[in-house]
Amino acid sequence: MSIKKKYLKNNKVCKVTFRVPKKAANGAKKIHVVGDFNGWDEKANPMKNLKNGDFTAIIELETDREYQFRYLLNQKIWENDWSADKYVPTEFGDSDNSVVIV
């Protein structure tokens, strides 16, 4: 899993590319990026399934902020990003959320 950041010239928006490699997808047919930036809507940001089996999504985020997120595989399995900027405990205290800082 990986996160790639591309800051736009105005420095107010960052295009963040979220990627889940085929190996980490574990045969998932659908993956969504779910987090603060979409109100934790489990269907708002579906990832595109690439020919090589990887999944990717590009989301524009306001800069100077931190966003918590996770990946939802097949609408039932939650996964963190292995290359997140940091991790914070969920409000339920049972696991961590990934964090991207832009």
N, C-alpha and C. Protein backbone atom coordinates (compact mmCIF):
# COMPACT_ATOMS: atom_id res chain seq x y z
N MET A 1 0.85 -1.16 0.00
CA MET A 1 0.00 0.00 0.00
C MET A 1 0.90 1.23 0.00
N SER A 2 0.40 2.26 -0.62
CA SER A 2 1.24 3.45 -0.69
C SER A 2 0.39 4.70 -0.86
N ILE A 3 1.03 5.81 -0.53
CA ILE A 3 0.41 7.12 -0.67
C ILE A 3 1.39 8.01 -1.42
N LYS A 4 0.92 8.66 -2.47
CA LYS A 4 1.76 9.59 -3.23
C LYS A 4 1.08 10.95 -3.20
N LYS A 5 1.83 12.00 -2.89
CA LYS A 5 1.27 13.35 -2.77
C LYS A 5 1.81 14.25 -3.88
N LYS A 6 0.90 14.98 -4.52
CA LYS A 6 1.31 15.96 -5.53
C LYS A 6 0.63 17.28 -5.19
N TYR A 7 1.44 18.23 -4.73
CA TYR A 7 0.90 19.54 -4.34
C TYR A 7 0.69 20.40 -5.57
N LEU A 8 -0.48 21.00 -5.67
CA LEU A 8 -0.77 21.89 -6.79
C LEU A 8 -0.11 23.24 -6.56
N LYS A 9 0.04 24.01 -7.61
CA LYS A 9 0.78 25.28 -7.55
C LYS A 9 0.24 26.26 -6.53
N ASN A 10 -1.06 26.24 -6.30
CA ASN A 10 -1.64 27.20 -5.34
C ASN A 10 -1.39 26.79 -3.88
N ASN A 11 -0.84 25.60 -3.66
CA ASN A 11 -0.52 25.09 -2.33
C ASN A 11 -1.72 24.95 -1.40
N LYS A 12 -2.94 25.05 -1.93
CA LYS A 12 -4.12 24.89 -1.10
C LYS A 12 -4.74 23.51 -1.25
N VAL A 13 -4.29 22.79 -2.29
CA VAL A 13 -4.83 21.47 -2.57
C VAL A 13 -3.68 20.52 -2.89
N CYS A 14 -3.83 19.30 -2.42
CA CYS A 14 -2.86 18.24 -2.72
C CYS A 14 -3.62 17.07 -3.32
N LYS A 15 -3.14 16.59 -4.47
CA LYS A 15 -3.72 15.38 -5.07
C LYS A 15 -3.02 14.19 -4.43
N VAL A 16 -3.79 13.40 -3.70
CA VAL A 16 -3.23 12.24 -3.02
C VAL A 16 -3.65 10.98 -3.77
N THR A 17 -2.66 10.20 -4.18
CA THR A 17 -2.94 8.93 -4.85
C THR A 17 -2.78 7.81 -3.82
N PHE A 18 -3.88 7.12 -3.58
CA PHE A 18 -3.89 5.96 -2.68
C PHE A 18 -3.77 4.71 -3.55
N ARG A 19 -2.89 3.79 -3.17
CA ARG A 19 -2.69 2.57 -3.97
C ARG A 19 -2.65 1.35 -3.05
N VAL A 20 -3.41 0.34 -3.46
CA VAL A 20 -3.39 -0.96 -2.79
C VAL A 20 -2.88 -1.97 -3.82
N PRO A 21 -1.69 -2.54 -3.61
CA PRO A 21 -1.17 -3.50 -4.58
C PRO A 21 -1.99 -4.80 -4.58
N LYS A 22 -1.91 -5.51 -5.67
CA LYS A 22 -2.65 -6.76 -5.84
C LYS A 22 -2.45 -7.70 -4.65
N LYS A 23 -1.22 -7.84 -4.21
CA LYS A 23 -0.91 -8.75 -3.09
C LYS A 23 -1.67 -8.36 -1.83
N ALA A 24 -1.74 -7.07 -1.53
CA ALA A 24 -2.44 -6.59 -0.33
C ALA A 24 -3.95 -6.64 -0.48
N ALA A 25 -4.43 -6.63 -1.73
CA ALA A 25 -5.87 -6.67 -1.98
C ALA A 25 -6.48 -8.02 -1.62
N ASN A 26 -5.65 -9.05 -1.54
CA ASN A 26 -6.11 -10.39 -1.15
C ASN A 26 -7.32 -10.86 -1.93
N GLY A 27 -7.33 -10.62 -3.23
CA GLY A 27 -8.42 -11.09 -4.07
C GLY A 27 -9.69 -10.26 -4.00
N ALA A 28 -9.63 -9.09 -3.38
CA ALA A 28 -10.82 -8.24 -3.27
C ALA A 28 -11.32 -7.83 -4.65
N LYS A 29 -12.62 -7.77 -4.80
CA LYS A 29 -13.24 -7.33 -6.05
C LYS A 29 -13.47 -5.82 -6.04
N LYS A 30 -13.70 -5.25 -4.83
CA LYS A 30 -13.94 -3.82 -4.68
C LYS A 30 -13.18 -3.32 -3.46
N ILE A 31 -12.59 -2.13 -3.60
CA ILE A 31 -11.95 -1.47 -2.46
C ILE A 31 -12.36 -0.01 -2.48
N HIS A 32 -12.67 0.53 -1.32
CA HIS A 32 -13.02 1.94 -1.17
C HIS A 32 -12.05 2.60 -0.19
N VAL A 33 -11.73 3.87 -0.43
CA VAL A 33 -10.97 4.67 0.52
C VAL A 33 -12.02 5.41 1.36
N VAL A 34 -11.97 5.20 2.66
CA VAL A 34 -12.99 5.76 3.55
C VAL A 34 -12.29 6.55 4.65
N GLY A 35 -12.75 7.81 4.89
CA GLY A 35 -12.08 8.59 5.92
C GLY A 35 -12.76 9.91 6.21
N ASP A 36 -12.02 10.75 6.95
CA ASP A 36 -12.51 12.08 7.32
C ASP A 36 -12.94 12.89 6.11
N PHE A 37 -12.21 12.76 5.01
CA PHE A 37 -12.44 13.58 3.82
C PHE A 37 -13.75 13.26 3.11
N ASN A 38 -14.38 12.13 3.43
CA ASN A 38 -15.67 11.82 2.81
C ASN A 38 -16.74 11.46 3.84
N GLY A 39 -16.52 11.92 5.08
CA GLY A 39 -17.50 11.67 6.14
C GLY A 39 -17.64 10.18 6.48
N TRP A 40 -16.59 9.42 6.24
CA TRP A 40 -16.57 7.98 6.48
C TRP A 40 -17.68 7.26 5.70
N ASP A 41 -17.97 7.79 4.52
CA ASP A 41 -18.96 7.19 3.62
C ASP A 41 -18.31 5.99 2.93
N GLU A 42 -18.80 4.81 3.20
CA GLU A 42 -18.19 3.58 2.72
C GLU A 42 -18.29 3.37 1.21
N LYS A 43 -19.03 4.23 0.51
CA LYS A 43 -19.18 4.07 -0.94
C LYS A 43 -18.73 5.30 -1.73
N ALA A 44 -18.28 6.34 -1.04
CA ALA A 44 -17.98 7.62 -1.70
C ALA A 44 -16.77 7.57 -2.63
N ASN A 45 -15.73 6.83 -2.27
CA ASN A 45 -14.50 6.84 -3.06
C ASN A 45 -14.06 5.42 -3.44
N PRO A 46 -14.73 4.84 -4.46
CA PRO A 46 -14.29 3.52 -4.93
C PRO A 46 -12.93 3.64 -5.62
N MET A 47 -12.12 2.62 -5.44
CA MET A 47 -10.82 2.61 -6.09
C MET A 47 -10.93 1.91 -7.43
N LYS A 48 -10.12 2.36 -8.39
CA LYS A 48 -10.10 1.78 -9.72
C LYS A 48 -9.23 0.53 -9.71
N ASN A 49 -9.76 -0.55 -10.27
CA ASN A 49 -9.00 -1.80 -10.36
C ASN A 49 -8.18 -1.76 -11.64
N LEU A 50 -6.86 -1.73 -11.50
CA LEU A 50 -5.96 -1.66 -12.65
C LEU A 50 -5.74 -3.05 -13.26
N LYS A 51 -5.25 -3.08 -14.49
CA LYS A 51 -5.03 -4.35 -15.20
C LYS A 51 -4.07 -5.27 -14.46
N ASN A 52 -3.11 -4.68 -13.73
CA ASN A 52 -2.12 -5.51 -13.01
C ASN A 52 -2.65 -6.02 -11.67
N GLY A 53 -3.92 -5.69 -11.33
CA GLY A 53 -4.51 -6.17 -10.08
C GLY A 53 -4.42 -5.19 -8.93
N ASP A 54 -3.65 -4.10 -9.11
CA ASP A 54 -3.59 -3.05 -8.09
C ASP A 54 -4.88 -2.24 -8.11
N PHE A 55 -5.16 -1.56 -7.02
CA PHE A 55 -6.28 -0.62 -6.93
C PHE A 55 -5.72 0.76 -6.65
N THR A 56 -6.34 1.80 -7.24
CA THR A 56 -5.86 3.16 -7.03
C THR A 56 -7.02 4.15 -7.01
N ALA A 57 -6.82 5.23 -6.27
CA ALA A 57 -7.79 6.33 -6.23
C ALA A 57 -7.02 7.62 -6.00
N ILE A 58 -7.45 8.69 -6.68
CA ILE A 58 -6.84 10.01 -6.49
C ILE A 58 -7.89 10.91 -5.87
N ILE A 59 -7.54 11.51 -4.74
CA ILE A 59 -8.47 12.39 -4.02
C ILE A 59 -7.76 13.71 -3.76
N GLU A 60 -8.43 14.83 -4.08
CA GLU A 60 -7.88 16.15 -3.80
C GLU A 60 -8.24 16.54 -2.37
N LEU A 61 -7.20 16.87 -1.59
CA LEU A 61 -7.40 17.22 -0.18
C LEU A 61 -6.84 18.61 0.11
N GLU A 62 -7.51 19.34 0.99
CA GLU A 62 -7.00 20.64 1.44
C GLU A 62 -5.69 20.43 2.18
N THR A 63 -4.75 21.35 1.96
CA THR A 63 -3.45 21.23 2.63
C THR A 63 -3.50 21.75 4.07
N ASP A 64 -2.41 21.54 4.77
CA ASP A 64 -2.25 21.94 6.18
C ASP A 64 -3.25 21.23 7.08
N ARG A 65 -3.53 19.98 6.74
CA ARG A 65 -4.47 19.19 7.54
C ARG A 65 -4.00 17.75 7.64
N GLU A 66 -4.57 17.05 8.60
CA GLU A 66 -4.36 15.61 8.74
C GLU A 66 -5.71 14.92 8.53
N TYR A 67 -5.69 13.82 7.82
CA TYR A 67 -6.92 13.08 7.53
C TYR A 67 -6.76 11.63 7.97
N GLN A 68 -7.71 11.14 8.75
CA GLN A 68 -7.74 9.73 9.10
C GLN A 68 -8.48 8.97 8.02
N PHE A 69 -8.02 7.75 7.73
CA PHE A 69 -8.67 6.94 6.70
C PHE A 69 -8.31 5.47 6.87
N ARG A 70 -9.07 4.65 6.16
CA ARG A 70 -8.78 3.22 6.06
C ARG A 70 -9.30 2.74 4.70
N TYR A 71 -8.87 1.56 4.32
CA TYR A 71 -9.37 0.92 3.11
C TYR A 71 -10.43 -0.10 3.52
N LEU A 72 -11.51 -0.17 2.74
CA LEU A 72 -12.57 -1.15 2.98
C LEU A 72 -12.60 -2.11 1.79
N LEU A 73 -12.24 -3.35 2.06
CA LEU A 73 -12.19 -4.37 1.02
C LEU A 73 -13.50 -5.15 1.01
N ASN A 74 -14.12 -5.24 -0.17
CA ASN A 74 -15.37 -5.99 -0.36
C ASN A 74 -16.46 -5.64 0.65
N GLN A 75 -16.49 -4.39 1.07
CA GLN A 75 -17.51 -3.87 2.00
C GLN A 75 -17.50 -4.54 3.37
N LYS A 76 -16.39 -5.28 3.71
CA LYS A 76 -16.41 -5.93 5.02
C LYS A 76 -15.07 -6.00 5.76
N ILE A 77 -13.95 -5.88 5.06
CA ILE A 77 -12.65 -6.00 5.73
C ILE A 77 -11.95 -4.65 5.72
N TRP A 78 -11.60 -4.15 6.91
CA TRP A 78 -10.91 -2.87 7.05
C TRP A 78 -9.41 -3.11 7.09
N GLU A 79 -8.67 -2.30 6.33
CA GLU A 79 -7.20 -2.37 6.31
C GLU A 79 -6.61 -0.98 6.42
N ASN A 80 -5.44 -0.91 7.06
CA ASN A 80 -4.70 0.34 7.12
C ASN A 80 -3.69 0.39 5.99
N ASP A 81 -3.17 1.59 5.73
CA ASP A 81 -2.13 1.77 4.74
C ASP A 81 -0.78 1.56 5.41
N TRP A 82 0.03 0.69 4.85
CA TRP A 82 1.33 0.36 5.45
C TRP A 82 2.29 1.54 5.41
N SER A 83 2.03 2.51 4.55
CA SER A 83 2.94 3.65 4.44
C SER A 83 2.30 4.96 4.89
N ALA A 84 1.32 4.85 5.78
CA ALA A 84 0.66 6.06 6.31
C ALA A 84 1.68 6.93 7.04
N ASP A 85 1.37 8.22 7.12
CA ASP A 85 2.26 9.15 7.82
C ASP A 85 2.29 8.87 9.32
N LYS A 86 1.17 8.39 9.85
CA LYS A 86 1.12 7.96 11.24
C LYS A 86 -0.18 7.19 11.44
N TYR A 87 -0.37 6.69 12.65
CA TYR A 87 -1.58 5.95 13.01
C TYR A 87 -2.13 6.52 14.30
N VAL A 88 -3.46 6.54 14.42
CA VAL A 88 -4.10 6.99 15.65
C VAL A 88 -5.20 6.00 16.01
N PRO A 89 -5.44 5.80 17.32
CA PRO A 89 -6.50 4.88 17.73
C PRO A 89 -7.87 5.35 17.22
N THR A 90 -8.72 4.41 16.86
CA THR A 90 -10.07 4.75 16.45
C THR A 90 -10.86 5.22 17.65
N GLU A 91 -11.99 5.86 17.40
CA GLU A 91 -12.83 6.32 18.51
C GLU A 91 -13.39 5.14 19.30
N PHE A 92 -13.39 3.95 18.70
CA PHE A 92 -13.90 2.77 19.37
C PHE A 92 -12.81 2.09 20.20
N GLY A 93 -11.55 2.46 19.97
CA GLY A 93 -10.43 1.93 20.74
C GLY A 93 -10.04 0.51 20.40
N ASP A 94 -10.62 -0.07 19.35
CA ASP A 94 -10.34 -1.47 19.02
C ASP A 94 -9.26 -1.64 17.95
N SER A 95 -8.87 -0.54 17.31
CA SER A 95 -7.84 -0.62 16.27
C SER A 95 -7.34 0.80 15.98
N ASP A 96 -6.49 0.92 14.96
CA ASP A 96 -5.95 2.22 14.58
C ASP A 96 -6.48 2.63 13.21
N ASN A 97 -6.48 3.93 12.97
CA ASN A 97 -6.73 4.48 11.65
C ASN A 97 -5.42 4.94 11.06
N SER A 98 -5.30 4.88 9.75
CA SER A 98 -4.16 5.47 9.06
C SER A 98 -4.38 6.97 9.00
N VAL A 99 -3.27 7.72 8.92
CA VAL A 99 -3.36 9.18 8.80
C VAL A 99 -2.46 9.63 7.65
N VAL A 100 -3.01 10.51 6.82
CA VAL A 100 -2.21 11.15 5.77
C VAL A 100 -2.15 12.64 6.13
N ILE A 101 -0.94 13.20 6.10
CA ILE A 101 -0.73 14.62 6.44
C ILE A 101 -0.37 15.35 5.15
N VAL A 102 -1.17 16.37 4.81
CA VAL A 102 -0.91 17.12 3.58
C VAL A 102 -0.75 18.60 3.87
